[in-house]
Amino acid sequence: PTAFTPNGDRLNDILTPIPVGIADFQFFRIYNRWGQLLFSTTSTGRGWNGLVKGKEQGSDTYVWHVKGVDFTGRVIEKKGTTTLVR
């Protein structure tokens, strides 16, 4: 997705990767514009809710980075941006 809205309405509240065809999910990370790591998980189905240490992050563009290994053994690594809208 290019944007998400963590406002508690249960629609688009969490930015979560969907690892289709991935046998070994290695990580999903979120960084701010200064390269600071804000969120990281190695669990599928877990995503970022727009909070860092319990504090809401403002509307901005954030960088995501995800890595895994597909069912053929090929390493898949993707990076992109998403916009948090409050």
Protein backbone atom coordinates (compact mmCIF):
# COMPACT_ATOMS: atom_id res chain seq x y z
CA PRO A 1 0.00 0.00 0.00
CA THR A 2 1.09 3.56 -0.51
CA ALA A 3 -0.71 4.90 2.58
CA PHE A 4 -2.33 3.80 5.81
CA THR A 5 -4.49 5.56 8.39
CA PRO A 6 -4.00 4.32 11.97
CA ASN A 7 -7.00 6.15 13.40
CA GLY A 8 -8.77 3.29 15.20
CA ASP A 9 -11.58 2.76 12.67
CA ARG A 10 -10.28 -0.78 11.88
CA LEU A 11 -9.76 0.16 8.22
CA ASN A 12 -6.15 0.46 7.06
CA ASP A 13 -4.96 0.86 10.67
CA ILE A 14 -1.91 -1.42 10.43
CA LEU A 15 0.77 -1.61 7.73
CA THR A 16 1.38 -5.34 7.30
CA PRO A 17 3.27 -7.24 4.59
CA ILE A 18 1.54 -10.16 2.91
CA PRO A 19 4.34 -12.68 2.17
CA VAL A 20 2.77 -14.66 -0.70
CA GLY A 21 5.05 -17.49 -1.85
CA ILE A 22 7.55 -16.86 0.95
CA ALA A 23 8.75 -19.97 2.78
CA ASP A 24 11.04 -18.14 5.23
CA PHE A 25 9.96 -14.65 6.28
CA GLN A 26 13.08 -12.92 7.60
CA PHE A 27 11.99 -9.38 8.54
CA PHE A 28 9.75 -6.38 8.00
CA ARG A 29 11.14 -2.98 9.07
CA ILE A 30 9.96 0.62 9.07
CA TYR A 31 12.31 3.63 9.06
CA ASN A 32 11.69 7.36 9.28
CA ARG A 33 13.11 9.87 6.80
CA TRP A 34 16.35 10.10 8.84
CA GLY A 35 16.95 6.35 8.68
CA GLN A 36 16.00 5.62 12.28
CA LEU A 37 14.49 2.16 12.78
CA LEU A 38 10.96 2.62 14.15
CA PHE A 39 9.52 -0.89 13.87
CA SER A 40 10.84 -4.38 13.17
CA THR A 41 9.33 -7.84 13.21
CA THR A 42 10.26 -11.34 12.09
CA SER A 43 6.70 -12.63 12.53
CA THR A 44 4.29 -12.92 9.62
CA GLY A 45 0.96 -11.24 10.21
CA ARG A 46 2.46 -8.56 12.46
CA GLY A 47 2.57 -4.99 11.25
CA TRP A 48 3.17 -1.39 12.26
CA ASN A 49 0.35 0.58 13.87
CA GLY A 50 1.99 4.00 13.58
CA LEU A 51 3.25 4.04 17.18
CA VAL A 52 6.82 4.23 18.45
CA LYS A 53 7.25 3.52 22.17
CA GLY A 54 3.53 4.23 22.61
CA LYS A 55 3.70 7.63 20.89
CA GLU A 56 1.74 8.35 17.70
CA GLN A 57 3.95 9.25 14.77
CA GLY A 58 2.86 12.17 12.62
CA SER A 59 1.66 12.24 9.05
CA ASP A 60 4.75 11.67 6.96
CA THR A 61 6.40 9.33 4.48
CA TYR A 62 8.14 6.27 5.92
CA VAL A 63 10.43 3.67 4.34
CA TRP A 64 9.62 -0.03 4.56
CA HIS A 65 12.03 -2.91 3.96
CA VAL A 66 11.04 -6.57 3.81
CA LYS A 67 13.11 -9.71 3.22
CA GLY A 68 12.35 -13.39 2.87
CA VAL A 69 13.18 -16.56 0.98
CA ASP A 70 10.69 -18.01 -1.51
CA PHE A 71 9.78 -21.67 -1.92
CA THR A 72 12.56 -22.14 -4.52
CA GLY A 73 15.25 -20.81 -2.17
CA ARG A 74 15.61 -17.41 -3.86
CA VAL A 75 16.12 -14.42 -1.55
CA ILE A 76 13.45 -11.75 -2.09
CA GLU A 77 14.17 -8.28 -0.73
CA LYS A 78 11.96 -5.26 -1.38
CA LYS A 79 12.01 -1.62 -0.25
CA GLY A 80 9.52 1.17 -0.73
CA THR A 81 7.70 4.05 0.91
CA THR A 82 4.33 4.49 2.53
CA THR A 83 2.52 7.53 3.83
CA LEU A 84 1.03 7.63 7.29
CA VAL A 85 -2.09 9.83 7.24
CA ARG A 86 -3.57 11.15 10.50
